[in-house]
Amino acid sequence: LWGKNLVDTFDEIFRKRARYCVIFVSEAYKEHVWTNHERQSAQARALNEKGEEYILPIKVDDVELDGMPPTTGYVSLKQGINKIAEILIQKLKS
């Protein structure tokens, strides 16, 4: 990514090219400028997907993210990283 305009590059990735967007929902995630930019690009894509699964949230703590309704299904980090990896692999195979 050296020398690239990261605003444009990340928007391109999260809004146009990625198959899914995995978000680790946490207070730290909520507070960072870049993660908010990524989330906003992902949410724009999710809106265009018209209900198709795109954002796959993993809940690290109980923080709520702007624009992420609490009715969105998530996986808890408490399940363990191995279980989350299994779930993600199954999602990618579907």
PDB file of N, CA and C in Angstrom:
ATOM      1  N   LEU A   1       0.816  -1.205   0.000  1.00  0.00           N
ATOM      2  CA  LEU A   1       0.000   0.000   0.000  1.00  0.00           C
ATOM      3  C   LEU A   1       0.856   1.264   0.000  1.00  0.00           C
ATOM      4  N   TRP A   2       2.148   1.073  -0.027  1.00  0.00           N
ATOM      5  CA  TRP A   2       3.090   2.184   0.028  1.00  0.00           C
ATOM      6  C   TRP A   2       2.828   3.161  -1.112  1.00  0.00           C
ATOM      7  N   GLY A   3       2.577   4.408  -0.765  1.00  0.00           N
ATOM      8  CA  GLY A   3       2.376   5.462  -1.747  1.00  0.00           C
ATOM      9  C   GLY A   3       0.955   5.597  -2.268  1.00  0.00           C
ATOM     10  N   LYS A   4       0.101   4.662  -1.946  1.00  0.00           N
ATOM     11  CA  LYS A   4      -1.280   4.724  -2.438  1.00  0.00           C
ATOM     12  C   LYS A   4      -2.114   5.686  -1.592  1.00  0.00           C
ATOM     13  N   ASN A   5      -3.152   6.227  -2.187  1.00  0.00           N
ATOM     14  CA  ASN A   5      -4.124   7.012  -1.449  1.00  0.00           C
ATOM     15  C   ASN A   5      -5.003   6.015  -0.698  1.00  0.00           C
ATOM     16  N   LEU A   6      -4.799   5.918   0.609  1.00  0.00           N
ATOM     17  CA  LEU A   6      -5.474   4.889   1.393  1.00  0.00           C
ATOM     18  C   LEU A   6      -6.975   5.113   1.496  1.00  0.00           C
ATOM     19  N   VAL A   7      -7.423   6.348   1.469  1.00  0.00           N
ATOM     20  CA  VAL A   7      -8.863   6.610   1.507  1.00  0.00           C
ATOM     21  C   VAL A   7      -9.522   5.962   0.291  1.00  0.00           C
ATOM     22  N   ASP A   8      -8.969   6.209  -0.880  1.00  0.00           N
ATOM     23  CA  ASP A   8      -9.530   5.629  -2.109  1.00  0.00           C
ATOM     24  C   ASP A   8      -9.347   4.118  -2.160  1.00  0.00           C
ATOM     25  N   THR A   9      -8.176   3.655  -1.757  1.00  0.00           N
ATOM     26  CA  THR A   9      -7.876   2.223  -1.823  1.00  0.00           C
ATOM     27  C   THR A   9      -8.790   1.421  -0.909  1.00  0.00           C
ATOM     28  N   PHE A  10      -8.927   1.853   0.344  1.00  0.00           N
ATOM     29  CA  PHE A  10      -9.788   1.125   1.275  1.00  0.00           C
ATOM     30  C   PHE A  10     -11.255   1.197   0.859  1.00  0.00           C
ATOM     31  N   ASP A  11     -11.680   2.326   0.321  1.00  0.00           N
ATOM     32  CA  ASP A  11     -13.057   2.425  -0.165  1.00  0.00           C
ATOM     33  C   ASP A  11     -13.276   1.442  -1.306  1.00  0.00           C
ATOM     34  N   GLU A  12     -12.332   1.358  -2.215  1.00  0.00           N
ATOM     35  CA  GLU A  12     -12.420   0.411  -3.335  1.00  0.00           C
ATOM     36  C   GLU A  12     -12.526  -1.023  -2.820  1.00  0.00           C
ATOM     37  N   ILE A  13     -11.700  -1.365  -1.841  1.00  0.00           N
ATOM     38  CA  ILE A  13     -11.703  -2.729  -1.307  1.00  0.00           C
ATOM     39  C   ILE A  13     -13.015  -3.037  -0.608  1.00  0.00           C
ATOM     40  N   PHE A  14     -13.413  -2.199   0.348  1.00  0.00           N
ATOM     41  CA  PHE A  14     -14.567  -2.506   1.184  1.00  0.00           C
ATOM     42  C   PHE A  14     -15.906  -2.243   0.498  1.00  0.00           C
ATOM     43  N   ARG A  15     -15.936  -1.356  -0.479  1.00  0.00           N
ATOM     44  CA  ARG A  15     -17.203  -1.041  -1.126  1.00  0.00           C
ATOM     45  C   ARG A  15     -17.409  -1.796  -2.430  1.00  0.00           C
ATOM     46  N   LYS A  16     -16.306  -2.291  -3.038  1.00  0.00           N
ATOM     47  CA  LYS A  16     -16.453  -2.894  -4.356  1.00  0.00           C
ATOM     48  C   LYS A  16     -15.846  -4.295  -4.505  1.00  0.00           C
ATOM     49  N   ARG A  17     -14.722  -4.578  -3.881  1.00  0.00           N
ATOM     50  CA  ARG A  17     -13.989  -5.795  -4.232  1.00  0.00           C
ATOM     51  C   ARG A  17     -14.115  -6.948  -3.247  1.00  0.00           C
ATOM     52  N   ALA A  18     -14.287  -6.674  -1.966  1.00  0.00           N
ATOM     53  CA  ALA A  18     -14.293  -7.747  -0.967  1.00  0.00           C
ATOM     54  C   ALA A  18     -15.540  -8.616  -1.091  1.00  0.00           C
ATOM     55  N   ARG A  19     -15.390  -9.880  -0.809  1.00  0.00           N
ATOM     56  CA  ARG A  19     -16.551 -10.780  -0.788  1.00  0.00           C
ATOM     57  C   ARG A  19     -17.348 -10.582   0.489  1.00  0.00           C
ATOM     58  N   TYR A  20     -16.657 -10.479   1.597  1.00  0.00           N
ATOM     59  CA  TYR A  20     -17.248 -10.210   2.906  1.00  0.00           C
ATOM     60  C   TYR A  20     -16.372  -9.201   3.625  1.00  0.00           C
ATOM     61  N   CYS A  21     -16.943  -8.569   4.632  1.00  0.00           N
ATOM     62  CA  CYS A  21     -16.194  -7.661   5.496  1.00  0.00           C
ATOM     63  C   CYS A  21     -16.389  -8.137   6.934  1.00  0.00           C
ATOM     64  N   VAL A  22     -15.317  -8.639   7.536  1.00  0.00           N
ATOM     65  CA  VAL A  22     -15.350  -9.097   8.928  1.00  0.00           C
ATOM     66  C   VAL A  22     -14.939  -7.923   9.805  1.00  0.00           C
ATOM     67  N   ILE A  23     -15.805  -7.586  10.755  1.00  0.00           N
ATOM     68  CA  ILE A  23     -15.545  -6.478  11.669  1.00  0.00           C
ATOM     69  C   ILE A  23     -15.460  -7.012  13.089  1.00  0.00           C
ATOM     70  N   PHE A  24     -14.353  -6.725  13.775  1.00  0.00           N
ATOM     71  CA  PHE A  24     -14.210  -7.058  15.184  1.00  0.00           C
ATOM     72  C   PHE A  24     -14.761  -5.881  15.983  1.00  0.00           C
ATOM     73  N   VAL A  25     -16.011  -5.992  16.403  1.00  0.00           N
ATOM     74  CA  VAL A  25     -16.721  -4.903  17.074  1.00  0.00           C
ATOM     75  C   VAL A  25     -16.180  -4.736  18.489  1.00  0.00           C
ATOM     76  N   SER A  26     -15.547  -3.578  18.723  1.00  0.00           N
ATOM     77  CA  SER A  26     -14.960  -3.299  20.030  1.00  0.00           C
ATOM     78  C   SER A  26     -14.875  -1.794  20.234  1.00  0.00           C
ATOM     79  N   GLU A  27     -14.616  -1.405  21.461  1.00  0.00           N
ATOM     80  CA  GLU A  27     -14.433   0.013  21.773  1.00  0.00           C
ATOM     81  C   GLU A  27     -13.248   0.571  20.980  1.00  0.00           C
ATOM     82  N   ALA A  28     -12.167  -0.197  20.886  1.00  0.00           N
ATOM     83  CA  ALA A  28     -10.987   0.250  20.133  1.00  0.00           C
ATOM     84  C   ALA A  28     -11.326   0.455  18.661  1.00  0.00           C
ATOM     85  N   TYR A  29     -12.112  -0.463  18.083  1.00  0.00           N
ATOM     86  CA  TYR A  29     -12.526  -0.338  16.685  1.00  0.00           C
ATOM     87  C   TYR A  29     -13.340   0.936  16.495  1.00  0.00           C
ATOM     88  N   LYS A  30     -14.253   1.179  17.420  1.00  0.00           N
ATOM     89  CA  LYS A  30     -15.144   2.335  17.323  1.00  0.00           C
ATOM     90  C   LYS A  30     -14.387   3.661  17.364  1.00  0.00           C
ATOM     91  N   GLU A  31     -13.284   3.703  18.076  1.00  0.00           N
ATOM     92  CA  GLU A  31     -12.573   4.964  18.305  1.00  0.00           C
ATOM     93  C   GLU A  31     -11.577   5.347  17.220  1.00  0.00           C
ATOM     94  N   HIS A  32     -11.230   4.445  16.311  1.00  0.00           N
ATOM     95  CA  HIS A  32     -10.205   4.745  15.321  1.00  0.00           C
ATOM     96  C   HIS A  32     -10.798   5.316  14.032  1.00  0.00           C
ATOM     97  N   VAL A  33     -10.124   6.294  13.486  1.00  0.00           N
ATOM     98  CA  VAL A  33     -10.586   6.977  12.276  1.00  0.00           C
ATOM     99  C   VAL A  33     -10.631   6.011  11.089  1.00  0.00           C
ATOM    100  N   TRP A  34      -9.578   5.209  10.900  1.00  0.00           N
ATOM    101  CA  TRP A  34      -9.516   4.336   9.734  1.00  0.00           C
ATOM    102  C   TRP A  34     -10.567   3.249   9.781  1.00  0.00           C
ATOM    103  N   THR A  35     -10.810   2.691  10.942  1.00  0.00           N
ATOM    104  CA  THR A  35     -11.825   1.638  11.019  1.00  0.00           C
ATOM    105  C   THR A  35     -13.216   2.218  10.764  1.00  0.00           C
ATOM    106  N   ASN A  36     -13.447   3.443  11.169  1.00  0.00           N
ATOM    107  CA  ASN A  36     -14.735   4.085  10.869  1.00  0.00           C
ATOM    108  C   ASN A  36     -14.889   4.308   9.368  1.00  0.00           C
ATOM    109  N   HIS A  37     -13.813   4.695   8.707  1.00  0.00           N
ATOM    110  CA  HIS A  37     -13.845   4.866   7.247  1.00  0.00           C
ATOM    111  C   HIS A  37     -14.144   3.520   6.572  1.00  0.00           C
ATOM    112  N   GLU A  38     -13.471   2.466   7.015  1.00  0.00           N
ATOM    113  CA  GLU A  38     -13.706   1.134   6.454  1.00  0.00           C
ATOM    114  C   GLU A  38     -15.154   0.696   6.674  1.00  0.00           C
ATOM    115  N   ARG A  39     -15.651   0.905   7.897  1.00  0.00           N
ATOM    116  CA  ARG A  39     -17.029   0.515   8.218  1.00  0.00           C
ATOM    117  C   ARG A  39     -18.027   1.270   7.352  1.00  0.00           C
ATOM    118  N   GLN A  40     -17.816   2.550   7.150  1.00  0.00           N
ATOM    119  CA  GLN A  40     -18.734   3.341   6.328  1.00  0.00           C
ATOM    120  C   GLN A  40     -18.743   2.844   4.882  1.00  0.00           C
ATOM    121  N   SER A  41     -17.590   2.499   4.348  1.00  0.00           N
ATOM    122  CA  SER A  41     -17.534   1.938   2.995  1.00  0.00           C
ATOM    123  C   SER A  41     -18.238   0.593   2.942  1.00  0.00           C
ATOM    124  N   ALA A  42     -18.033  -0.234   3.969  1.00  0.00           N
ATOM    125  CA  ALA A  42     -18.695  -1.538   4.028  1.00  0.00           C
ATOM    126  C   ALA A  42     -20.207  -1.375   4.145  1.00  0.00           C
ATOM    127  N   GLN A  43     -20.647  -0.406   4.929  1.00  0.00           N
ATOM    128  CA  GLN A  43     -22.088  -0.182   5.089  1.00  0.00           C
ATOM    129  C   GLN A  43     -22.719   0.311   3.789  1.00  0.00           C
ATOM    130  N   ALA A  44     -21.988   1.124   3.031  1.00  0.00           N
ATOM    131  CA  ALA A  44     -22.501   1.561   1.729  1.00  0.00           C
ATOM    132  C   ALA A  44     -22.688   0.353   0.815  1.00  0.00           C
ATOM    133  N   ARG A  45     -21.742  -0.564   0.853  1.00  0.00           N
ATOM    134  CA  ARG A  45     -21.856  -1.797   0.059  1.00  0.00           C
ATOM    135  C   ARG A  45     -23.032  -2.636   0.551  1.00  0.00           C
ATOM    136  N   ALA A  46     -23.155  -2.777   1.873  1.00  0.00           N
ATOM    137  CA  ALA A  46     -24.236  -3.587   2.444  1.00  0.00           C
ATOM    138  C   ALA A  46     -25.597  -3.033   2.034  1.00  0.00           C
ATOM    139  N   LEU A  47     -25.715  -1.729   1.976  1.00  0.00           N
ATOM    140  CA  LEU A  47     -26.969  -1.109   1.552  1.00  0.00           C
ATOM    141  C   LEU A  47     -27.297  -1.499   0.113  1.00  0.00           C
ATOM    142  N   ASN A  48     -26.289  -1.500  -0.745  1.00  0.00           N
ATOM    143  CA  ASN A  48     -26.497  -1.880  -2.147  1.00  0.00           C
ATOM    144  C   ASN A  48     -26.758  -3.364  -2.321  1.00  0.00           C
ATOM    145  N   GLU A  49     -26.324  -4.170  -1.374  1.00  0.00           N
ATOM    146  CA  GLU A  49     -26.527  -5.622  -1.456  1.00  0.00           C
ATOM    147  C   GLU A  49     -27.973  -6.008  -1.164  1.00  0.00           C
ATOM    148  N   LYS A  50     -28.760  -5.077  -0.655  1.00  0.00           N
ATOM    149  CA  LYS A  50     -30.195  -5.268  -0.425  1.00  0.00           C
ATOM    150  C   LYS A  50     -30.506  -6.500   0.426  1.00  0.00           C
ATOM    151  N   GLY A  51     -29.865  -6.575   1.578  1.00  0.00           N
ATOM    152  CA  GLY A  51     -30.180  -7.648   2.512  1.00  0.00           C
ATOM    153  C   GLY A  51     -29.271  -8.858   2.444  1.00  0.00           C
ATOM    154  N   GLU A  52     -28.426  -8.927   1.428  1.00  0.00           N
ATOM    155  CA  GLU A  52     -27.476 -10.039   1.362  1.00  0.00           C
ATOM    156  C   GLU A  52     -26.420  -9.867   2.449  1.00  0.00           C
ATOM    157  N   GLU A  53     -25.914 -10.977   2.946  1.00  0.00           N
ATOM    158  CA  GLU A  53     -24.894 -10.910   3.992  1.00  0.00           C
ATOM    159  C   GLU A  53     -23.594 -10.384   3.403  1.00  0.00           C
ATOM    160  N   TYR A  54     -23.061  -9.352   4.000  1.00  0.00           N
ATOM    161  CA  TYR A  54     -21.767  -8.814   3.581  1.00  0.00           C
ATOM    162  C   TYR A  54     -20.911  -8.500   4.806  1.00  0.00           C
ATOM    163  N   ILE A  55     -21.462  -7.756   5.755  1.00  0.00           N
ATOM    164  CA  ILE A  55     -20.724  -7.437   6.973  1.00  0.00           C
ATOM    165  C   ILE A  55     -20.921  -8.588   7.956  1.00  0.00           C
ATOM    166  N   LEU A  56     -19.820  -9.166   8.396  1.00  0.00           N
ATOM    167  CA  LEU A  56     -19.834 -10.282   9.333  1.00  0.00           C
ATOM    168  C   LEU A  56     -19.199  -9.814  10.646  1.00  0.00           C
ATOM    169  N   PRO A  57     -20.009  -9.345  11.589  1.00  0.00           N
ATOM    170  CA  PRO A  57     -19.443  -8.793  12.816  1.00  0.00           C
ATOM    171  C   PRO A  57     -19.084  -9.869  13.846  1.00  0.00           C
ATOM    172  N   ILE A  58     -17.927  -9.664  14.461  1.00  0.00           N
ATOM    173  CA  ILE A  58     -17.478 -10.481  15.583  1.00  0.00           C
ATOM    174  C   ILE A  58     -17.449  -9.567  16.790  1.00  0.00           C
ATOM    175  N   LYS A  59     -18.234  -9.879  17.789  1.00  0.00           N
ATOM    176  CA  LYS A  59     -18.412  -9.017  18.959  1.00  0.00           C
ATOM    177  C   LYS A  59     -17.284  -9.291  19.960  1.00  0.00           C
ATOM    178  N   VAL A  60     -16.441  -8.282  20.184  1.00  0.00           N
ATOM    179  CA  VAL A  60     -15.351  -8.374  21.155  1.00  0.00           C
ATOM    180  C   VAL A  60     -15.832  -7.892  22.516  1.00  0.00           C
ATOM    181  N   ASP A  61     -16.571  -6.784  22.502  1.00  0.00           N
ATOM    182  CA  ASP A  61     -17.191  -6.276  23.726  1.00  0.00           C
ATOM    183  C   ASP A  61     -18.571  -5.723  23.391  1.00  0.00           C
ATOM    184  N   ASP A  62     -19.225  -5.107  24.339  1.00  0.00           N
ATOM    185  CA  ASP A  62     -20.636  -4.727  24.158  1.00  0.00           C
ATOM    186  C   ASP A  62     -20.860  -3.345  23.560  1.00  0.00           C
ATOM    187  N   VAL A  63     -19.913  -2.804  22.866  1.00  0.00           N
ATOM    188  CA  VAL A  63     -20.070  -1.492  22.247  1.00  0.00           C
ATOM    189  C   VAL A  63     -21.004  -1.607  21.028  1.00  0.00           C
ATOM    190  N   GLU A  64     -21.728  -0.541  20.744  1.00  0.00           N
ATOM    191  CA  GLU A  64     -22.548  -0.473  19.541  1.00  0.00           C
ATOM    192  C   GLU A  64     -21.869   0.444  18.538  1.00  0.00           C
ATOM    193  N   LEU A  65     -21.897   0.062  17.278  1.00  0.00           N
ATOM    194  CA  LEU A  65     -21.302   0.877  16.220  1.00  0.00           C
ATOM    195  C   LEU A  65     -22.391   1.643  15.498  1.00  0.00           C
ATOM    196  N   ASP A  66     -22.111   2.893  15.150  1.00  0.00           N
ATOM    197  CA  ASP A  66     -23.059   3.696  14.391  1.00  0.00           C
ATOM    198  C   ASP A  66     -23.414   2.983  13.095  1.00  0.00           C
ATOM    199  N   GLY A  67     -24.698   2.920  12.819  1.00  0.00           N
ATOM    200  CA  GLY A  67     -25.160   2.325  11.579  1.00  0.00           C
ATOM    201  C   GLY A  67     -25.259   0.808  11.594  1.00  0.00           C
ATOM    202  N   MET A  68     -24.834   0.173  12.671  1.00  0.00           N
ATOM    203  CA  MET A  68     -24.934  -1.287  12.783  1.00  0.00           C
ATOM    204  C   MET A  68     -26.106  -1.609  13.696  1.00  0.00           C
ATOM    205  N   PRO A  69     -27.234  -2.010  13.136  1.00  0.00           N
ATOM    206  CA  PRO A  69     -28.389  -2.289  13.983  1.00  0.00           C
ATOM    207  C   PRO A  69     -28.123  -3.462  14.919  1.00  0.00           C
ATOM    208  N   PRO A  70     -28.681  -3.391  16.118  1.00  0.00           N
ATOM    209  CA  PRO A  70     -28.454  -4.482  17.072  1.00  0.00           C
ATOM    210  C   PRO A  70     -29.109  -5.793  16.645  1.00  0.00           C
ATOM    211  N   THR A  71     -29.918  -5.747  15.603  1.00  0.00           N
ATOM    212  CA  THR A  71     -30.561  -6.956  15.095  1.00  0.00           C
ATOM    213  C   THR A  71     -29.666  -7.732  14.128  1.00  0.00           C
ATOM    214  N   THR A  72     -28.502  -7.181  13.800  1.00  0.00           N
ATOM    215  CA  THR A  72     -27.558  -7.875  12.923  1.00  0.00           C
ATOM    216  C   THR A  72     -26.975  -9.074  13.666  1.00  0.00           C
ATOM    217  N   GLY A  73     -26.982 -10.234  13.025  1.00  0.00           N
ATOM    218  CA  GLY A  73     -26.406 -11.422  13.644  1.00  0.00           C
ATOM    219  C   GLY A  73     -24.893 -11.280  13.765  1.00  0.00           C
ATOM    220  N   TYR A  74     -24.354 -11.702  14.873  1.00  0.00           N
ATOM    221  CA  TYR A  74     -22.918 -11.629  15.086  1.00  0.00           C
ATOM    222  C   TYR A  74     -22.429 -12.898  15.755  1.00  0.00           C
ATOM    223  N   VAL A  75     -21.113 -13.069  15.762  1.00  0.00           N
ATOM    224  CA  VAL A  75     -20.456 -14.156  16.471  1.00  0.00           C
ATOM    225  C   VAL A  75     -19.686 -13.511  17.612  1.00  0.00           C
ATOM    226  N   SER A  76     -19.715 -14.131  18.773  1.00  0.00           N
ATOM    227  CA  SER A  76     -18.991 -13.604  19.929  1.00  0.00           C
ATOM    228  C   SER A  76     -17.572 -14.153  19.946  1.00  0.00           C
ATOM    229  N   LEU A  77     -16.627 -13.293  20.240  1.00  0.00           N
ATOM    230  CA  LEU A  77     -15.228 -13.712  20.366  1.00  0.00           C
ATOM    231  C   LEU A  77     -15.072 -14.729  21.497  1.00  0.00           C
ATOM    232  N   LYS A  78     -16.022 -14.737  22.429  1.00  0.00           N
ATOM    233  CA  LYS A  78     -15.985 -15.687  23.541  1.00  0.00           C
ATOM    234  C   LYS A  78     -16.056 -17.136  23.060  1.00  0.00           C
ATOM    235  N   GLN A  79     -16.534 -17.355  21.829  1.00  0.00           N
ATOM    236  CA  GLN A  79     -16.584 -18.714  21.279  1.00  0.00           C
ATOM    237  C   GLN A  79     -15.193 -19.261  20.979  1.00  0.00           C
ATOM    238  N   GLY A  80     -14.228 -18.369  20.908  1.00  0.00           N
ATOM    239  CA  GLY A  80     -12.852 -18.779  20.629  1.00  0.00           C
ATOM    240  C   GLY A  80     -12.505 -18.615  19.162  1.00  0.00           C
ATOM    241  N   ILE A  81     -11.256 -18.326  18.918  1.00  0.00           N
ATOM    242  CA  ILE A  81     -10.801 -18.026  17.562  1.00  0.00           C
ATOM    243  C   ILE A  81     -10.888 -19.253  16.650  1.00  0.00           C
ATOM    244  N   ASN A  82     -10.677 -20.456  17.187  1.00  0.00           N
ATOM    245  CA  ASN A  82     -10.775 -21.659  16.360  1.00  0.00           C
ATOM    246  C   ASN A  82     -12.201 -21.875  15.859  1.00  0.00           C
ATOM    247  N   LYS A  83     -13.185 -21.690  16.725  1.00  0.00           N
ATOM    248  CA  LYS A  83     -14.589 -21.833  16.332  1.00  0.00           C
ATOM    249  C   LYS A  83     -14.969 -20.762  15.313  1.00  0.00           C
ATOM    250  N   ILE A  84     -14.510 -19.546  15.535  1.00  0.00           N
ATOM    251  CA  ILE A  84     -14.789 -18.460  14.587  1.00  0.00           C
ATOM    252  C   ILE A  84     -14.173 -18.772  13.231  1.00  0.00           C
ATOM    253  N   ALA A  85     -12.961 -19.316  13.232  1.00  0.00           N
ATOM    254  CA  ALA A  85     -12.306 -19.690  11.974  1.00  0.00           C
ATOM    255  C   ALA A  85     -13.124 -20.750  11.242  1.00  0.00           C
ATOM    256  N   GLU A  86     -13.646 -21.731  11.968  1.00  0.00           N
ATOM    257  CA  GLU A  86     -14.483 -22.769  11.358  1.00  0.00           C
ATOM    258  C   GLU A  86     -15.735 -22.155  10.728  1.00  0.00           C
ATOM    259  N   ILE A  87     -16.384 -21.261  11.463  1.00  0.00           N
ATOM    260  CA  ILE A  87     -17.599 -20.617  10.959  1.00  0.00           C
ATOM    261  C   ILE A  87     -17.294 -19.794   9.711  1.00  0.00           C
ATOM    262  N   LEU A  88     -16.199 -19.074   9.732  1.00  0.00           N
ATOM    263  CA  LEU A  88     -15.810 -18.247   8.585  1.00  0.00           C
ATOM    264  C   LEU A  88     -15.485 -19.111   7.376  1.00  0.00           C
ATOM    265  N   ILE A  89     -14.795 -20.206   7.580  1.00  0.00           N
ATOM    266  CA  ILE A  89     -14.473 -21.116   6.465  1.00  0.00           C
ATOM    267  C   ILE A  89     -15.757 -21.663   5.853  1.00  0.00           C
ATOM    268  N   GLN A  90     -16.722 -22.054   6.692  1.00  0.00           N
ATOM    269  CA  GLN A  90     -18.003 -22.536   6.177  1.00  0.00           C
ATOM    270  C   GLN A  90     -18.720 -21.454   5.385  1.00  0.00           C
ATOM    271  N   LYS A  91     -18.661 -20.219   5.884  1.00  0.00           N
ATOM    272  CA  LYS A  91     -19.300 -19.102   5.169  1.00  0.00           C
ATOM    273  C   LYS A  91     -18.654 -18.909   3.803  1.00  0.00           C
ATOM    274  N   LEU A  92     -17.326 -19.000   3.738  1.00  0.00           N
ATOM    275  CA  LEU A  92     -16.635 -18.810   2.468  1.00  0.00           C
ATOM    276  C   LEU A  92     -16.924 -19.936   1.467  1.00  0.00           C
ATOM    277  N   LYS A  93     -17.221 -21.113   1.974  1.00  0.00           N
ATOM    278  CA  LYS A  93     -17.538 -22.243   1.103  1.00  0.00           C
ATOM    279  C   LYS A  93     -18.960 -22.171   0.560  1.00  0.00           C
ATOM    280  N   SER A  94     -19.832 -21.395   1.216  1.00  0.00           N
ATOM    281  CA  SER A  94     -21.231 -21.352   0.782  1.00  0.00           C
ATOM    282  C   SER A  94     -21.445 -20.408  -0.388  1.00  0.00           C
TER     283      SER A  94
END
